[in-house]
Amino acid sequence: AYFISQGFMQAGQHLAAKALADRATRTTLVLPILFCFRHSVETGLKRLLAEHGPRHHEICDKLTSTHDLDHLWGCFLRLMAATAGEGEQ
């Protein structure tokens, strides 16, 4: 899952660099760039929630069936609240 998130981020970065360097293709690359960056965020959130949520009893419903970033972000905030203060001893 880590490599999927990183792959989308790198793809978005490569496309963005191409768009900045080549004015002729700039407008055709905007949506693919946004898709890659958005998917990187989605898969990154899902990975963190899947790996760390169960250990802290924070199970995100619809984790495998949604693409809703608002929902995933809400789950992530609950996970962050559940882990607040860890490692501060």
C-alpha atoms as a PDB file:
ATOM      1  CA  ALA A   1       0.000   0.000   0.000  1.00  0.00           C
ATOM      2  CA  TYR A   2       2.915   2.336   0.705  1.00  0.00           C
ATOM      3  CA  PHE A   3       4.251   1.877  -2.808  1.00  0.00           C
ATOM      4  CA  ILE A   4       0.844   2.522  -4.354  1.00  0.00           C
ATOM      5  CA  SER A   5       0.542   5.854  -2.551  1.00  0.00           C
ATOM      6  CA  GLN A   6       4.118   6.794  -3.391  1.00  0.00           C
ATOM      7  CA  GLY A   7       3.654   5.725  -7.007  1.00  0.00           C
ATOM      8  CA  PHE A   8       0.677   8.013  -7.470  1.00  0.00           C
ATOM      9  CA  MET A   9       2.607  10.873  -5.835  1.00  0.00           C
ATOM     10  CA  GLN A  10       5.610  10.344  -8.105  1.00  0.00           C
ATOM     11  CA  ALA A  11       3.402  10.074 -11.183  1.00  0.00           C
ATOM     12  CA  GLY A  12       1.723  13.362 -10.259  1.00  0.00           C
ATOM     13  CA  GLN A  13       5.102  15.008  -9.735  1.00  0.00           C
ATOM     14  CA  HIS A  14       6.406  13.780 -13.095  1.00  0.00           C
ATOM     15  CA  LEU A  15       3.286  14.950 -14.888  1.00  0.00           C
ATOM     16  CA  ALA A  16       3.458  18.323 -13.131  1.00  0.00           C
ATOM     17  CA  ALA A  17       7.092  18.754 -14.169  1.00  0.00           C
ATOM     18  CA  LYS A  18       6.169  17.866 -17.763  1.00  0.00           C
ATOM     19  CA  ALA A  19       3.278  20.352 -17.708  1.00  0.00           C
ATOM     20  CA  LEU A  20       5.508  23.121 -16.391  1.00  0.00           C
ATOM     21  CA  ALA A  21       8.187  22.404 -18.987  1.00  0.00           C
ATOM     22  CA  ASP A  22       5.892  22.018 -21.993  1.00  0.00           C
ATOM     23  CA  ARG A  23       3.253  24.697 -22.401  1.00  0.00           C
ATOM     24  CA  ALA A  24       1.549  22.821 -25.258  1.00  0.00           C
ATOM     25  CA  THR A  25       0.598  19.847 -23.044  1.00  0.00           C
ATOM     26  CA  ARG A  26      -0.138  21.851 -19.904  1.00  0.00           C
ATOM     27  CA  THR A  27      -3.923  21.967 -20.216  1.00  0.00           C
ATOM     28  CA  THR A  28      -4.226  18.292 -21.121  1.00  0.00           C
ATOM     29  CA  LEU A  29      -2.281  17.215 -18.028  1.00  0.00           C
ATOM     30  CA  VAL A  30      -4.135  19.170 -15.340  1.00  0.00           C
ATOM     31  CA  LEU A  31      -6.802  16.546 -14.605  1.00  0.00           C
ATOM     32  CA  PRO A  32      -4.391  13.572 -14.669  1.00  0.00           C
ATOM     33  CA  ILE A  33      -2.100  15.477 -12.271  1.00  0.00           C
ATOM     34  CA  LEU A  34      -4.964  16.174  -9.873  1.00  0.00           C
ATOM     35  CA  PHE A  35      -6.127  12.546 -10.151  1.00  0.00           C
ATOM     36  CA  CYS A  36      -2.685  11.253  -9.203  1.00  0.00           C
ATOM     37  CA  PHE A  37      -2.259  13.590  -6.233  1.00  0.00           C
ATOM     38  CA  ARG A  38      -5.782  12.919  -4.973  1.00  0.00           C
ATOM     39  CA  HIS A  39      -5.322   9.165  -5.277  1.00  0.00           C
ATOM     40  CA  SER A  40      -2.024   9.401  -3.422  1.00  0.00           C
ATOM     41  CA  VAL A  41      -3.787  11.077  -0.506  1.00  0.00           C
ATOM     42  CA  GLU A  42      -6.616   8.529  -0.561  1.00  0.00           C
ATOM     43  CA  THR A  43      -4.370   5.470  -0.624  1.00  0.00           C
ATOM     44  CA  GLY A  44      -2.083   6.990   2.010  1.00  0.00           C
ATOM     45  CA  LEU A  45      -4.982   7.575   4.391  1.00  0.00           C
ATOM     46  CA  LYS A  46      -6.338   4.084   3.776  1.00  0.00           C
ATOM     47  CA  ARG A  47      -2.924   2.551   4.477  1.00  0.00           C
ATOM     48  CA  LEU A  48      -2.526   4.415   7.764  1.00  0.00           C
ATOM     49  CA  LEU A  49      -6.062   3.571   8.861  1.00  0.00           C
ATOM     50  CA  ALA A  50      -5.706  -0.110   7.956  1.00  0.00           C
ATOM     51  CA  GLU A  51      -2.322  -0.498   9.647  1.00  0.00           C
ATOM     52  CA  HIS A  52      -2.892   1.497  12.831  1.00  0.00           C
ATOM     53  CA  GLY A  53      -6.651   1.760  13.331  1.00  0.00           C
ATOM     54  CA  PRO A  54      -7.352  -1.744  14.658  1.00  0.00           C
ATOM     55  CA  ARG A  55      -4.566  -1.529  17.251  1.00  0.00           C
ATOM     56  CA  HIS A  56      -6.234   1.579  18.696  1.00  0.00           C
ATOM     57  CA  HIS A  57      -9.802   0.308  18.295  1.00  0.00           C
ATOM     58  CA  GLU A  58     -10.510   2.887  15.582  1.00  0.00           C
ATOM     59  CA  ILE A  59     -12.127   0.966  12.754  1.00  0.00           C
ATOM     60  CA  CYS A  60     -13.087   3.061   9.765  1.00  0.00           C
ATOM     61  CA  ASP A  61     -16.342   1.808   8.320  1.00  0.00           C
ATOM     62  CA  LYS A  62     -16.379   1.672   4.532  1.00  0.00           C
ATOM     63  CA  LEU A  63     -12.551   1.711   4.455  1.00  0.00           C
ATOM     64  CA  THR A  64     -12.423  -0.603   1.453  1.00  0.00           C
ATOM     65  CA  SER A  65     -15.570   0.610  -0.244  1.00  0.00           C
ATOM     66  CA  THR A  66     -15.265   4.399  -0.286  1.00  0.00           C
ATOM     67  CA  HIS A  67     -13.270   7.007  -2.139  1.00  0.00           C
ATOM     68  CA  ASP A  68     -14.733   9.832  -0.034  1.00  0.00           C
ATOM     69  CA  LEU A  69     -11.814  11.871   1.309  1.00  0.00           C
ATOM     70  CA  ASP A  70     -14.043  13.639   3.846  1.00  0.00           C
ATOM     71  CA  HIS A  71     -15.026  10.296   5.346  1.00  0.00           C
ATOM     72  CA  LEU A  72     -11.454   8.995   5.359  1.00  0.00           C
ATOM     73  CA  TRP A  73     -10.177  12.239   6.865  1.00  0.00           C
ATOM     74  CA  GLY A  74     -12.743  11.992   9.667  1.00  0.00           C
ATOM     75  CA  CYS A  75     -11.562   8.458  10.415  1.00  0.00           C
ATOM     76  CA  PHE A  76      -7.956   9.648  10.375  1.00  0.00           C
ATOM     77  CA  LEU A  77      -8.715  12.466  12.832  1.00  0.00           C
ATOM     78  CA  ARG A  78     -10.319   9.945  15.197  1.00  0.00           C
ATOM     79  CA  LEU A  79      -7.208   7.758  14.920  1.00  0.00           C
ATOM     80  CA  MET A  80      -4.989  10.761  15.655  1.00  0.00           C
ATOM     81  CA  ALA A  81      -7.078  11.594  18.729  1.00  0.00           C
ATOM     82  CA  ALA A  82      -6.846   7.977  19.906  1.00  0.00           C
ATOM     83  CA  THR A  83      -3.054   8.008  19.615  1.00  0.00           C
ATOM     84  CA  ALA A  84      -2.512  11.487  21.071  1.00  0.00           C
ATOM     85  CA  GLY A  85       0.063  11.436  23.815  1.00  0.00           C
ATOM     86  CA  GLU A  86       1.628   8.121  22.829  1.00  0.00           C
ATOM     87  CA  GLY A  87       5.367   8.053  23.274  1.00  0.00           C
ATOM     88  CA  GLU A  88       5.422  11.122  25.481  1.00  0.00           C
ATOM     89  CA  GLN A  89       6.378   9.208  28.637  1.00  0.00           C
END
